[in-house]
Structures are given as structure tokens and as C-alpha cells.
Amino acid sequence: MPQSSRYSDERVEKLLADMVRVLEQDQAPTDLSLMVLGNMVTNLINTSVSSAQRRTLARSFAEALQASVQEDKAH
């Protein structure tokens, strides 16, 4: 069952497009892009989430990421 969000699809898509544009303008390879995005997630968790909830949120984020990755033969 898809999760509902308090944010509109349009807002999410705009932010995503903006972030992709920055990485593309820098011609960042996949590994660098993943490092930067991972550091951003870590920074957000460490600065915006109470210390008591950080590990739980990080685990939930990791599980959601794993669930969203498609296992096809595209690459």
C-alpha cells in the first residue's frame, strides 16, 4: 500500500528535479552523487532529529530505500 504524504507530488517532483539538475550540471558520477546524497541524509538526521530517534529513523530510511530499489537487469 503506498504511503500518503503531506507534501504534494508537484513539490516533491520540483525538489527532485532541482537536485538532479545540480548533480548533472556538476557532471557528478553516480558514486559521487550517492556520497553527496548520503551525507545530506546523515546531516539532516543528525541536525533535525532527536538523538533518541536517529537510529530508528535511519533504519526506516534504509528499509524504504531497499524496498524502492528495482532488481532488473538494466545495468
N, C-alpha and C. Protein backbone atom coordinates (compact mmCIF):
# COMPACT_ATOMS: atom_id res chain seq x y z
N MET A 1 0.85 -1.18 0.00
CA MET A 1 0.00 0.00 0.00
C MET A 1 0.89 1.24 0.00
N PRO A 2 0.70 2.15 -0.95
CA PRO A 2 1.53 3.35 -0.99
C PRO A 2 1.26 4.23 0.23
N GLN A 3 2.34 4.87 0.67
CA GLN A 3 2.18 5.79 1.78
C GLN A 3 1.68 7.13 1.27
N SER A 4 0.80 7.74 2.04
CA SER A 4 0.36 9.07 1.66
C SER A 4 1.34 10.07 2.27
N SER A 5 1.46 11.20 1.63
CA SER A 5 2.40 12.22 2.06
C SER A 5 1.66 13.52 2.32
N ARG A 6 2.19 14.27 3.24
CA ARG A 6 1.60 15.59 3.49
C ARG A 6 2.10 16.61 2.47
N TYR A 7 3.00 16.18 1.59
CA TYR A 7 3.54 17.08 0.57
C TYR A 7 2.97 16.70 -0.79
N SER A 8 2.72 17.70 -1.59
CA SER A 8 2.16 17.44 -2.92
C SER A 8 3.20 16.77 -3.82
N ASP A 9 2.70 15.99 -4.76
CA ASP A 9 3.59 15.37 -5.75
C ASP A 9 4.38 16.43 -6.49
N GLU A 10 3.73 17.57 -6.78
CA GLU A 10 4.40 18.64 -7.52
C GLU A 10 5.59 19.19 -6.74
N ARG A 11 5.42 19.36 -5.43
CA ARG A 11 6.52 19.88 -4.62
C ARG A 11 7.67 18.89 -4.57
N VAL A 12 7.35 17.63 -4.38
CA VAL A 12 8.37 16.59 -4.33
C VAL A 12 9.11 16.52 -5.67
N GLU A 13 8.37 16.50 -6.76
CA GLU A 13 8.98 16.40 -8.09
C GLU A 13 9.85 17.61 -8.41
N LYS A 14 9.44 18.81 -7.99
CA LYS A 14 10.25 20.01 -8.23
C LYS A 14 11.58 19.93 -7.49
N LEU A 15 11.54 19.54 -6.21
CA LEU A 15 12.77 19.42 -5.44
C LEU A 15 13.68 18.35 -6.04
N LEU A 16 13.10 17.23 -6.43
CA LEU A 16 13.88 16.17 -7.05
C LEU A 16 14.54 16.66 -8.34
N ALA A 17 13.78 17.33 -9.17
CA ALA A 17 14.32 17.85 -10.44
C ALA A 17 15.44 18.86 -10.18
N ASP A 18 15.27 19.70 -9.17
CA ASP A 18 16.31 20.68 -8.83
C ASP A 18 17.60 20.00 -8.38
N MET A 19 17.46 18.97 -7.56
CA MET A 19 18.64 18.25 -7.08
C MET A 19 19.33 17.50 -8.22
N VAL A 20 18.55 16.88 -9.08
CA VAL A 20 19.12 16.18 -10.23
C VAL A 20 19.84 17.17 -11.14
N ARG A 21 19.26 18.33 -11.35
CA ARG A 21 19.87 19.36 -12.20
C ARG A 21 21.24 19.77 -11.66
N VAL A 22 21.35 19.96 -10.34
CA VAL A 22 22.63 20.34 -9.73
C VAL A 22 23.68 19.25 -9.97
N LEU A 23 23.30 18.00 -9.74
CA LEU A 23 24.25 16.90 -9.94
C LEU A 23 24.64 16.77 -11.41
N GLU A 24 23.70 16.96 -12.31
CA GLU A 24 24.01 16.88 -13.74
C GLU A 24 24.88 18.03 -14.19
N GLN A 25 24.62 19.24 -13.69
CA GLN A 25 25.45 20.39 -14.05
C GLN A 25 26.89 20.19 -13.61
N ASP A 26 27.08 19.52 -12.48
CA ASP A 26 28.42 19.23 -11.98
C ASP A 26 29.03 18.02 -12.67
N GLN A 27 28.23 17.33 -13.47
CA GLN A 27 28.64 16.08 -14.11
C GLN A 27 29.15 15.08 -13.08
N ALA A 28 28.47 15.04 -11.96
CA ALA A 28 28.87 14.15 -10.87
C ALA A 28 28.58 12.70 -11.26
N PRO A 29 29.58 11.83 -11.15
CA PRO A 29 29.33 10.42 -11.42
C PRO A 29 28.43 9.82 -10.33
N THR A 30 27.93 8.64 -10.59
CA THR A 30 26.98 8.00 -9.68
C THR A 30 27.53 7.87 -8.26
N ASP A 31 28.80 7.42 -8.13
CA ASP A 31 29.34 7.23 -6.79
C ASP A 31 29.44 8.53 -6.02
N LEU A 32 29.83 9.61 -6.67
CA LEU A 32 29.91 10.91 -6.01
C LEU A 32 28.51 11.41 -5.65
N SER A 33 27.56 11.24 -6.56
CA SER A 33 26.18 11.66 -6.29
C SER A 33 25.64 10.92 -5.06
N LEU A 34 25.88 9.62 -4.99
CA LEU A 34 25.42 8.84 -3.83
C LEU A 34 26.11 9.28 -2.54
N MET A 35 27.39 9.59 -2.63
CA MET A 35 28.10 10.09 -1.44
C MET A 35 27.50 11.40 -0.94
N VAL A 36 27.25 12.31 -1.87
CA VAL A 36 26.69 13.61 -1.50
C VAL A 36 25.29 13.46 -0.92
N LEU A 37 24.45 12.67 -1.57
CA LEU A 37 23.10 12.45 -1.07
C LEU A 37 23.11 11.74 0.27
N GLY A 38 24.00 10.77 0.44
CA GLY A 38 24.12 10.08 1.73
C GLY A 38 24.56 11.04 2.83
N ASN A 39 25.51 11.90 2.52
CA ASN A 39 25.95 12.89 3.50
C ASN A 39 24.83 13.86 3.84
N MET A 40 24.02 14.20 2.85
CA MET A 40 22.88 15.09 3.10
C MET A 40 21.88 14.43 4.05
N VAL A 41 21.59 13.16 3.81
CA VAL A 41 20.66 12.43 4.68
C VAL A 41 21.21 12.36 6.10
N THR A 42 22.49 12.02 6.22
CA THR A 42 23.12 11.95 7.54
C THR A 42 23.05 13.29 8.25
N ASN A 43 23.36 14.36 7.55
CA ASN A 43 23.32 15.69 8.14
C ASN A 43 21.90 16.05 8.59
N LEU A 44 20.92 15.76 7.76
CA LEU A 44 19.53 16.05 8.13
C LEU A 44 19.12 15.29 9.38
N ILE A 45 19.47 14.02 9.44
CA ILE A 45 19.11 13.22 10.61
C ILE A 45 19.82 13.74 11.85
N ASN A 46 21.11 14.01 11.74
CA ASN A 46 21.89 14.46 12.90
C ASN A 46 21.52 15.85 13.39
N THR A 47 21.01 16.69 12.51
CA THR A 47 20.71 18.07 12.92
C THR A 47 19.23 18.33 13.14
N SER A 48 18.36 17.44 12.67
CA SER A 48 16.92 17.72 12.72
C SER A 48 16.10 16.69 13.49
N VAL A 49 16.74 15.64 13.97
CA VAL A 49 16.02 14.56 14.65
C VAL A 49 16.64 14.38 16.03
N SER A 50 15.80 14.15 17.02
CA SER A 50 16.33 13.95 18.37
C SER A 50 17.24 12.74 18.39
N SER A 51 18.25 12.79 19.25
CA SER A 51 19.22 11.70 19.30
C SER A 51 18.56 10.37 19.61
N ALA A 52 17.48 10.39 20.37
CA ALA A 52 16.78 9.16 20.73
C ALA A 52 16.10 8.51 19.52
N GLN A 53 15.81 9.28 18.48
CA GLN A 53 15.08 8.76 17.32
C GLN A 53 15.96 8.55 16.09
N ARG A 54 17.21 8.95 16.14
CA ARG A 54 18.06 8.92 14.94
C ARG A 54 18.24 7.53 14.36
N ARG A 55 18.59 6.57 15.18
CA ARG A 55 18.83 5.21 14.67
C ARG A 55 17.56 4.59 14.09
N THR A 56 16.44 4.84 14.76
CA THR A 56 15.16 4.31 14.27
C THR A 56 14.83 4.91 12.91
N LEU A 57 15.00 6.21 12.78
CA LEU A 57 14.71 6.87 11.51
C LEU A 57 15.68 6.40 10.42
N ALA A 58 16.95 6.29 10.76
CA ALA A 58 17.94 5.82 9.78
C ALA A 58 17.60 4.41 9.31
N ARG A 59 17.19 3.55 10.23
CA ARG A 59 16.81 2.18 9.86
C ARG A 59 15.59 2.19 8.95
N SER A 60 14.59 2.99 9.29
CA SER A 60 13.38 3.08 8.46
C SER A 60 13.71 3.62 7.07
N PHE A 61 14.59 4.61 7.02
CA PHE A 61 15.00 5.19 5.74
C PHE A 61 15.71 4.12 4.90
N ALA A 62 16.62 3.38 5.52
CA ALA A 62 17.36 2.34 4.80
C ALA A 62 16.42 1.25 4.28
N GLU A 63 15.46 0.87 5.09
CA GLU A 63 14.49 -0.15 4.67
C GLU A 63 13.64 0.36 3.51
N ALA A 64 13.21 1.61 3.58
CA ALA A 64 12.42 2.19 2.49
C ALA A 64 13.24 2.27 1.21
N LEU A 65 14.51 2.63 1.34
CA LEU A 65 15.39 2.69 0.17
C LEU A 65 15.56 1.31 -0.46
N GLN A 66 15.82 0.31 0.37
CA GLN A 66 15.96 -1.04 -0.15
C GLN A 66 14.69 -1.53 -0.83
N ALA A 67 13.54 -1.21 -0.25
CA ALA A 67 12.28 -1.63 -0.82
C ALA A 67 11.99 -0.93 -2.16
N SER A 68 12.55 0.26 -2.33
CA SER A 68 12.25 1.02 -3.55
C SER A 68 13.19 0.71 -4.70
N VAL A 69 14.28 0.01 -4.44
CA VAL A 69 15.26 -0.31 -5.49
C VAL A 69 14.74 -1.48 -6.31
N GLN A 70 14.73 -1.27 -7.63
CA GLN A 70 14.24 -2.32 -8.52
C GLN A 70 15.38 -3.26 -8.86
N GLU A 71 15.09 -4.53 -8.89
CA GLU A 71 16.10 -5.53 -9.23
C GLU A 71 15.88 -6.00 -10.65
N ASP A 72 16.15 -5.11 -11.60
CA ASP A 72 16.04 -5.50 -13.00
C ASP A 72 17.45 -5.61 -13.60
N LYS A 73 17.52 -5.99 -14.82
CA LYS A 73 18.80 -6.21 -15.48
C LYS A 73 19.22 -5.01 -16.33
N ALA A 74 18.75 -3.79 -15.98
CA ALA A 74 19.02 -2.61 -16.79
C ALA A 74 20.48 -2.22 -16.79
N HIS A 75 21.20 -2.47 -15.67
CA HIS A 75 22.61 -2.03 -15.62
C HIS A 75 23.49 -3.17 -15.25
